[in-house]
């Protein structure tokens, strides 16, 4: 559930947001504000993931208010003036709702917020994730963020790890892929899995990770290069 607040100098606009939020299972609209000072105090005191923010307010513009927030937060700008849209998106806004907006258009903004929220949480969690792999008659703890690539050898895997001895485990490629993030780790060949974040360059159909050269096979190239495009 995404924790949200809304700031707008017009109470009817806040009532619409309250109504729309109550019709979705993804947004917990915890509070609404008509005064920017009160909203800023709340943001400094309580954890908040998303801010619905009117741009054209008498005391301070939504753009200036957003710049005053001391920590990172998702924002969906709301306003009746389309000329503010470009400036809003230069601040990496999640979305921009032009008043009056429909519930279906509001749902599109919520979907964008959900995707951004999930992506940011996943990237934070990846740094804290570990795999426990059985090898050498032991359970070996491997930080996911340290995996350089995985090499398949029949019923065995060689897990190449940054600043650590390569781990050889009796596992299948399929079984280890099920333990890894599908947004970061991709099978690029019958015998190789790579994390996109560790790739130094791709030349033709050869992936370079450090001094290693890993081939991309025809079976996996379409999905792999599509993923690279999405990340760029």
C-alpha atoms as a PDB file:
ATOM      1  CA  UNK A   1       0.000   0.000   0.000  1.00  0.00           C
ATOM      2  CA  UNK A   2       1.380   3.394  -1.035  1.00  0.00           C
ATOM      3  CA  UNK A   3       1.129   6.041   1.706  1.00  0.00           C
ATOM      4  CA  UNK A   4      -0.057   9.327   0.224  1.00  0.00           C
ATOM      5  CA  UNK A   5      -1.125  12.860   1.102  1.00  0.00           C
ATOM      6  CA  UNK A   6      -2.623  15.605  -1.046  1.00  0.00           C
ATOM      7  CA  UNK A   7      -2.105  19.362  -1.078  1.00  0.00           C
ATOM      8  CA  UNK A   8      -4.514  21.660  -2.916  1.00  0.00           C
ATOM      9  CA  UNK A   9      -5.896  25.068  -1.974  1.00  0.00           C
ATOM     10  CA  UNK A  10      -9.348  24.061  -3.290  1.00  0.00           C
ATOM     11  CA  UNK A  11     -11.320  21.676  -0.981  1.00  0.00           C
ATOM     12  CA  UNK A  12     -13.514  20.322  -3.843  1.00  0.00           C
ATOM     13  CA  UNK A  13     -10.362  19.121  -5.634  1.00  0.00           C
ATOM     14  CA  UNK A  14      -9.273  17.305  -2.473  1.00  0.00           C
ATOM     15  CA  UNK A  15     -12.702  15.681  -2.177  1.00  0.00           C
ATOM     16  CA  UNK A  16     -12.339  14.266  -5.686  1.00  0.00           C
ATOM     17  CA  UNK A  17      -8.913  12.843  -4.837  1.00  0.00           C
ATOM     18  CA  UNK A  18     -10.301  11.316  -1.636  1.00  0.00           C
ATOM     19  CA  UNK A  19     -13.129   9.704  -3.585  1.00  0.00           C
ATOM     20  CA  UNK A  20     -10.819   8.324  -6.269  1.00  0.00           C
ATOM     21  CA  UNK A  21      -8.285   7.006  -3.743  1.00  0.00           C
ATOM     22  CA  UNK A  22     -11.054   5.241  -1.826  1.00  0.00           C
ATOM     23  CA  UNK A  23     -11.924   3.339  -5.011  1.00  0.00           C
ATOM     24  CA  UNK A  24      -8.438   1.818  -5.362  1.00  0.00           C
ATOM     25  CA  UNK A  25      -6.707  -0.760  -3.195  1.00  0.00           C
ATOM     26  CA  UNK A  26      -3.257   0.657  -3.863  1.00  0.00           C
ATOM     27  CA  UNK A  27      -3.304   4.147  -2.358  1.00  0.00           C
ATOM     28  CA  UNK A  28      -3.726   4.962   1.338  1.00  0.00           C
ATOM     29  CA  UNK A  29      -4.551   8.682   1.305  1.00  0.00           C
ATOM     30  CA  UNK A  30      -3.634   9.438   4.890  1.00  0.00           C
ATOM     31  CA  UNK A  31      -4.336  13.158   4.974  1.00  0.00           C
ATOM     32  CA  UNK A  32      -5.260  16.162   2.804  1.00  0.00           C
ATOM     33  CA  UNK A  33      -4.100  19.753   3.195  1.00  0.00           C
ATOM     34  CA  UNK A  34      -5.130  23.165   1.920  1.00  0.00           C
ATOM     35  CA  UNK A  35      -2.155  24.918   3.565  1.00  0.00           C
ATOM     36  CA  UNK A  36       1.386  24.233   2.370  1.00  0.00           C
ATOM     37  CA  UNK A  37       2.977  24.838   5.798  1.00  0.00           C
ATOM     38  CA  UNK A  38       0.906  22.073   7.387  1.00  0.00           C
ATOM     39  CA  UNK A  39       1.649  19.683   4.540  1.00  0.00           C
ATOM     40  CA  UNK A  40       5.396  20.322   4.845  1.00  0.00           C
ATOM     41  CA  UNK A  41       5.299  19.669   8.613  1.00  0.00           C
ATOM     42  CA  UNK A  42       3.530  16.376   7.977  1.00  0.00           C
ATOM     43  CA  UNK A  43       6.100  15.335   5.362  1.00  0.00           C
ATOM     44  CA  UNK A  44       8.959  16.070   7.740  1.00  0.00           C
ATOM     45  CA  UNK A  45       7.343  14.045  10.530  1.00  0.00           C
ATOM     46  CA  UNK A  46       5.596  11.085   8.885  1.00  0.00           C
ATOM     47  CA  UNK A  47       6.783   8.581   6.247  1.00  0.00           C
ATOM     48  CA  UNK A  48       5.046   9.356   2.952  1.00  0.00           C
ATOM     49  CA  UNK A  49       5.540   7.692  -0.426  1.00  0.00           C
ATOM     50  CA  UNK A  50       3.404   9.818  -2.743  1.00  0.00           C
ATOM     51  CA  UNK A  51       2.226  13.423  -2.885  1.00  0.00           C
ATOM     52  CA  UNK A  52      -0.710  14.659  -4.972  1.00  0.00           C
ATOM     53  CA  UNK A  53       0.249  18.291  -5.457  1.00  0.00           C
ATOM     54  CA  UNK A  54      -1.615  21.211  -7.012  1.00  0.00           C
ATOM     55  CA  UNK A  55       0.695  23.563  -8.891  1.00  0.00           C
ATOM     56  CA  UNK A  56      -1.269  26.813  -8.946  1.00  0.00           C
ATOM     57  CA  UNK A  57      -1.711  27.823  -5.273  1.00  0.00           C
ATOM     58  CA  UNK A  58      -1.819  31.364  -3.888  1.00  0.00           C
ATOM     59  CA  UNK A  59       0.846  31.119  -1.172  1.00  0.00           C
ATOM     60  CA  UNK A  60       3.428  29.010  -3.035  1.00  0.00           C
ATOM     61  CA  UNK A  61       3.502  27.197  -6.354  1.00  0.00           C
ATOM     62  CA  UNK A  62       3.481  23.429  -6.264  1.00  0.00           C
ATOM     63  CA  UNK A  63       6.793  23.442  -8.130  1.00  0.00           C
ATOM     64  CA  UNK A  64       8.469  25.549  -5.426  1.00  0.00           C
ATOM     65  CA  UNK A  65       6.838  23.514  -2.668  1.00  0.00           C
ATOM     66  CA  UNK A  66       8.155  20.278  -4.142  1.00  0.00           C
ATOM     67  CA  UNK A  67      11.682  21.703  -4.223  1.00  0.00           C
ATOM     68  CA  UNK A  68      11.453  22.393  -0.467  1.00  0.00           C
ATOM     69  CA  UNK A  69      10.728  18.772   0.495  1.00  0.00           C
ATOM     70  CA  UNK A  70      13.886  17.521   2.264  1.00  0.00           C
ATOM     71  CA  UNK A  71      13.704  13.894   1.102  1.00  0.00           C
ATOM     72  CA  UNK A  72      12.849  11.952  -2.040  1.00  0.00           C
ATOM     73  CA  UNK A  73       9.150  11.374  -2.665  1.00  0.00           C
ATOM     74  CA  UNK A  74       6.979  10.507  -5.660  1.00  0.00           C
ATOM     75  CA  UNK A  75       4.777  13.355  -6.869  1.00  0.00           C
ATOM     76  CA  UNK A  76       1.723  13.537  -9.101  1.00  0.00           C
ATOM     77  CA  UNK A  77       1.094  17.155 -10.054  1.00  0.00           C
ATOM     78  CA  UNK A  78      -2.514  18.297 -10.479  1.00  0.00           C
ATOM     79  CA  UNK A  79      -3.495  21.588 -12.103  1.00  0.00           C
ATOM     80  CA  UNK A  80      -5.887  23.206 -14.541  1.00  0.00           C
ATOM     81  CA  UNK A  81      -3.017  24.834 -16.439  1.00  0.00           C
ATOM     82  CA  UNK A  82      -1.279  22.663 -19.051  1.00  0.00           C
ATOM     83  CA  UNK A  83       1.630  25.092 -19.479  1.00  0.00           C
ATOM     84  CA  UNK A  84       3.056  23.832 -16.182  1.00  0.00           C
ATOM     85  CA  UNK A  85       3.422  20.270 -17.454  1.00  0.00           C
ATOM     86  CA  UNK A  86       6.916  20.580 -18.927  1.00  0.00           C
ATOM     87  CA  UNK A  87       8.358  22.127 -15.774  1.00  0.00           C
ATOM     88  CA  UNK A  88       6.642  19.464 -13.695  1.00  0.00           C
ATOM     89  CA  UNK A  89       8.238  16.631 -15.624  1.00  0.00           C
ATOM     90  CA  UNK A  90      11.712  18.189 -15.422  1.00  0.00           C
ATOM     91  CA  UNK A  91      11.429  17.485 -11.690  1.00  0.00           C
ATOM     92  CA  UNK A  92      10.977  13.767 -12.449  1.00  0.00           C
ATOM     93  CA  UNK A  93       7.305  13.820 -11.568  1.00  0.00           C
ATOM     94  CA  UNK A  94       5.590  10.444 -11.570  1.00  0.00           C
ATOM     95  CA  UNK A  95       2.690  11.909 -13.546  1.00  0.00           C
ATOM     96  CA  UNK A  96       0.769  15.076 -14.353  1.00  0.00           C
ATOM     97  CA  UNK A  97      -3.027  15.250 -14.085  1.00  0.00           C
ATOM     98  CA  UNK A  98      -4.788  18.035 -15.931  1.00  0.00           C
ATOM     99  CA  UNK A  99      -7.992  19.090 -14.164  1.00  0.00           C
ATOM    100  CA  UNK A 100     -10.696  17.999 -14.515  1.00  0.00           C
ATOM    101  CA  UNK A 101      -9.413  14.432 -14.819  1.00  0.00           C
ATOM    102  CA  UNK A 102     -11.432  11.237 -15.022  1.00  0.00           C
ATOM    103  CA  UNK A 103     -11.142   8.235 -12.728  1.00  0.00           C
ATOM    104  CA  UNK A 104      -9.583   6.201 -15.552  1.00  0.00           C
ATOM    105  CA  UNK A 105      -6.896   8.870 -16.034  1.00  0.00           C
ATOM    106  CA  UNK A 106      -6.327   8.877 -12.272  1.00  0.00           C
ATOM    107  CA  UNK A 107      -5.883   5.090 -12.391  1.00  0.00           C
ATOM    108  CA  UNK A 108      -3.147   5.516 -15.008  1.00  0.00           C
ATOM    109  CA  UNK A 109      -1.277   7.809 -12.628  1.00  0.00           C
ATOM    110  CA  UNK A 110      -1.700   5.299  -9.798  1.00  0.00           C
ATOM    111  CA  UNK A 111      -0.342   2.530 -12.018  1.00  0.00           C
ATOM    112  CA  UNK A 112       2.751   4.623 -12.769  1.00  0.00           C
ATOM    113  CA  UNK A 113       3.220   5.269  -9.046  1.00  0.00           C
ATOM    114  CA  UNK A 114       2.867   1.542  -8.290  1.00  0.00           C
ATOM    115  CA  UNK A 115       5.484   0.633 -10.882  1.00  0.00           C
ATOM    116  CA  UNK A 116       7.904   3.279  -9.645  1.00  0.00           C
ATOM    117  CA  UNK A 117       7.338   2.275  -6.013  1.00  0.00           C
ATOM    118  CA  UNK A 118       7.942  -1.406  -6.791  1.00  0.00           C
ATOM    119  CA  UNK A 119      11.050  -0.645  -8.832  1.00  0.00           C
ATOM    120  CA  UNK A 120      12.610   1.550  -6.155  1.00  0.00           C
ATOM    121  CA  UNK A 121      11.869  -0.938  -3.383  1.00  0.00           C
ATOM    122  CA  UNK A 122      13.266  -3.809  -5.425  1.00  0.00           C
ATOM    123  CA  UNK A 123      16.524  -1.971  -6.124  1.00  0.00           C
ATOM    124  CA  UNK A 124      16.889  -1.159  -2.416  1.00  0.00           C
ATOM    125  CA  UNK A 125      16.175  -4.757  -1.412  1.00  0.00           C
ATOM    126  CA  UNK A 126      18.588  -6.229  -3.949  1.00  0.00           C
ATOM    127  CA  UNK A 127      21.501  -4.802  -1.980  1.00  0.00           C
ATOM    128  CA  UNK A 128      20.305  -6.685   1.102  1.00  0.00           C
ATOM    129  CA  UNK A 129      19.505 -10.024  -0.582  1.00  0.00           C
ATOM    130  CA  UNK A 130      21.541 -13.160  -0.231  1.00  0.00           C
ATOM    131  CA  UNK A 131      21.494 -16.615  -1.733  1.00  0.00           C
ATOM    132  CA  UNK A 132      22.323 -19.650   0.362  1.00  0.00           C
ATOM    133  CA  UNK A 133      23.881 -22.192  -1.979  1.00  0.00           C
ATOM    134  CA  UNK A 134      24.838 -25.736  -0.990  1.00  0.00           C
ATOM    135  CA  UNK A 135      28.396 -26.433  -2.113  1.00  0.00           C
ATOM    136  CA  UNK A 136      31.451 -28.212  -0.645  1.00  0.00           C
ATOM    137  CA  UNK A 137      29.203 -29.882   1.940  1.00  0.00           C
ATOM    138  CA  UNK A 138      28.226 -26.439   3.291  1.00  0.00           C
ATOM    139  CA  UNK A 139      25.626 -23.700   2.860  1.00  0.00           C
ATOM    140  CA  UNK A 140      27.465 -20.733   1.380  1.00  0.00           C
ATOM    141  CA  UNK A 141      26.010 -17.251   1.750  1.00  0.00           C
ATOM    142  CA  UNK A 142      26.371 -15.204  -1.451  1.00  0.00           C
ATOM    143  CA  UNK A 143      25.354 -11.527  -1.696  1.00  0.00           C
ATOM    144  CA  UNK A 144      23.172 -11.199  -4.809  1.00  0.00           C
ATOM    145  CA  UNK A 145      24.700  -7.800  -5.593  1.00  0.00           C
ATOM    146  CA  UNK A 146      28.179  -9.427  -5.840  1.00  0.00           C
ATOM    147  CA  UNK A 147      27.290 -12.012  -8.501  1.00  0.00           C
ATOM    148  CA  UNK A 148      29.185 -11.248 -11.727  1.00  0.00           C
ATOM    149  CA  UNK A 149      27.681 -14.031 -13.840  1.00  0.00           C
ATOM    150  CA  UNK A 150      26.623 -17.674 -13.638  1.00  0.00           C
ATOM    151  CA  UNK A 151      27.999 -20.410 -15.848  1.00  0.00           C
ATOM    152  CA  UNK A 152      26.219 -23.700 -16.440  1.00  0.00           C
ATOM    153  CA  UNK A 153      28.111 -26.995 -16.801  1.00  0.00           C
ATOM    154  CA  UNK A 154      25.716 -29.920 -17.269  1.00  0.00           C
ATOM    155  CA  UNK A 155      24.164 -30.411 -13.784  1.00  0.00           C
ATOM    156  CA  UNK A 156      26.581 -27.988 -12.139  1.00  0.00           C
ATOM    157  CA  UNK A 157      26.808 -24.217 -11.899  1.00  0.00           C
ATOM    158  CA  UNK A 158      29.835 -21.993 -11.482  1.00  0.00           C
ATOM    159  CA  UNK A 159      28.773 -18.807  -9.672  1.00  0.00           C
ATOM    160  CA  UNK A 160      31.371 -16.125 -10.349  1.00  0.00           C
ATOM    161  CA  UNK A 161      31.437 -13.631  -7.476  1.00  0.00           C
ATOM    162  CA  UNK A 162      33.180 -10.290  -7.041  1.00  0.00           C
ATOM    163  CA  UNK A 163      36.248 -10.519  -4.764  1.00  0.00           C
ATOM    164  CA  UNK A 164      35.404 -14.078  -3.792  1.00  0.00           C
ATOM    165  CA  UNK A 165      36.261 -17.599  -4.884  1.00  0.00           C
ATOM    166  CA  UNK A 166      33.979 -19.038  -7.559  1.00  0.00           C
ATOM    167  CA  UNK A 167      31.318 -21.302  -6.047  1.00  0.00           C
ATOM    168  CA  UNK A 168      30.597 -24.611  -7.813  1.00  0.00           C
ATOM    169  CA  UNK A 169      27.182 -26.040  -6.936  1.00  0.00           C
ATOM    170  CA  UNK A 170      25.056 -28.942  -8.130  1.00  0.00           C
ATOM    171  CA  UNK A 171      22.072 -26.968  -9.465  1.00  0.00           C
ATOM    172  CA  UNK A 172      20.267 -26.331 -12.733  1.00  0.00           C
ATOM    173  CA  UNK A 173      20.064 -22.991 -14.512  1.00  0.00           C
ATOM    174  CA  UNK A 174      16.291 -23.073 -14.119  1.00  0.00           C
ATOM    175  CA  UNK A 175      16.434 -23.563 -10.344  1.00  0.00           C
ATOM    176  CA  UNK A 176      18.829 -20.677  -9.699  1.00  0.00           C
ATOM    177  CA  UNK A 177      16.908 -18.327 -12.009  1.00  0.00           C
ATOM    178  CA  UNK A 178      13.851 -18.905  -9.828  1.00  0.00           C
ATOM    179  CA  UNK A 179      15.814 -17.477  -6.874  1.00  0.00           C
ATOM    180  CA  UNK A 180      16.925 -14.329  -8.699  1.00  0.00           C
ATOM    181  CA  UNK A 181      15.235 -11.058  -9.701  1.00  0.00           C
ATOM    182  CA  UNK A 182      13.762 -11.344 -13.191  1.00  0.00           C
ATOM    183  CA  UNK A 183      14.345  -7.597 -13.688  1.00  0.00           C
ATOM    184  CA  UNK A 184      18.115  -7.876 -13.171  1.00  0.00           C
ATOM    185  CA  UNK A 185      19.237 -11.395 -14.096  1.00  0.00           C
ATOM    186  CA  UNK A 186      18.827 -12.694 -17.637  1.00  0.00           C
ATOM    187  CA  UNK A 187      19.684 -15.949 -19.296  1.00  0.00           C
ATOM    188  CA  UNK A 188      21.604 -14.985 -22.425  1.00  0.00           C
ATOM    189  CA  UNK A 189      22.834 -18.415 -23.496  1.00  0.00           C
ATOM    190  CA  UNK A 190      22.223 -22.071 -22.749  1.00  0.00           C
ATOM    191  CA  UNK A 191      25.216 -21.864 -20.396  1.00  0.00           C
ATOM    192  CA  UNK A 192      25.139 -18.290 -19.039  1.00  0.00           C
ATOM    193  CA  UNK A 193      23.088 -16.011 -16.783  1.00  0.00           C
ATOM    194  CA  UNK A 194      24.172 -12.382 -16.376  1.00  0.00           C
ATOM    195  CA  UNK A 195      23.052  -9.472 -14.176  1.00  0.00           C
ATOM    196  CA  UNK A 196      22.477  -6.403 -16.358  1.00  0.00           C
ATOM    197  CA  UNK A 197      24.017  -4.120 -13.735  1.00  0.00           C
ATOM    198  CA  UNK A 198      27.412  -5.846 -14.033  1.00  0.00           C
ATOM    199  CA  UNK A 199      27.735  -5.531 -17.828  1.00  0.00           C
ATOM    200  CA  UNK A 200      30.595  -3.254 -18.917  1.00  0.00           C
ATOM    201  CA  UNK A 201      29.724  -3.296 -22.612  1.00  0.00           C
ATOM    202  CA  UNK A 202      28.042  -5.339 -25.322  1.00  0.00           C
ATOM    203  CA  UNK A 203      29.807  -5.609 -28.660  1.00  0.00           C
ATOM    204  CA  UNK A 204      27.878  -7.458 -31.335  1.00  0.00           C
ATOM    205  CA  UNK A 205      26.623 -10.538 -29.543  1.00  0.00           C
ATOM    206  CA  UNK A 206      29.385 -10.612 -26.929  1.00  0.00           C
ATOM    207  CA  UNK A 207      28.846  -9.347 -23.367  1.00  0.00           C
ATOM    208  CA  UNK A 208      31.896  -8.006 -21.556  1.00  0.00           C
ATOM    209  CA  UNK A 209      32.000  -8.274 -17.763  1.00  0.00           C
ATOM    210  CA  UNK A 210      35.474  -7.413 -16.526  1.00  0.00           C
ATOM    211  CA  UNK A 211      37.863  -9.587 -18.528  1.00  0.00           C
ATOM    212  CA  UNK A 212      35.190 -12.168 -19.313  1.00  0.00           C
ATOM    213  CA  UNK A 213      33.471 -12.470 -22.689  1.00  0.00           C
ATOM    214  CA  UNK A 214      30.022 -14.073 -22.638  1.00  0.00           C
ATOM    215  CA  UNK A 215      28.145 -14.972 -25.836  1.00  0.00           C
ATOM    216  CA  UNK A 216      24.492 -14.128 -26.455  1.00  0.00           C
ATOM    217  CA  UNK A 217      22.749 -16.954 -28.298  1.00  0.00           C
ATOM    218  CA  UNK A 218      19.990 -16.569 -30.874  1.00  0.00           C
ATOM    219  CA  UNK A 219      17.481 -18.184 -28.515  1.00  0.00           C
ATOM    220  CA  UNK A 220      17.789 -15.420 -25.919  1.00  0.00           C
ATOM    221  CA  UNK A 221      18.979 -12.366 -27.857  1.00  0.00           C
ATOM    222  CA  UNK A 222      15.557 -10.777 -28.506  1.00  0.00           C
ATOM    223  CA  UNK A 223      14.509 -10.745 -24.834  1.00  0.00           C
ATOM    224  CA  UNK A 224      17.977  -9.696 -23.669  1.00  0.00           C
ATOM    225  CA  UNK A 225      18.363  -6.742 -26.049  1.00  0.00           C
ATOM    226  CA  UNK A 226      14.800  -5.658 -25.335  1.00  0.00           C
ATOM    227  CA  UNK A 227      15.674  -5.588 -21.620  1.00  0.00           C
ATOM    228  CA  UNK A 228      18.763  -3.488 -22.363  1.00  0.00           C
ATOM    229  CA  UNK A 229      16.648  -1.000 -24.308  1.00  0.00           C
ATOM    230  CA  UNK A 230      14.200  -0.786 -21.403  1.00  0.00           C
ATOM    231  CA  UNK A 231      17.047  -0.046 -18.955  1.00  0.00           C
ATOM    232  CA  UNK A 232      18.584   2.688 -21.077  1.00  0.00           C
END
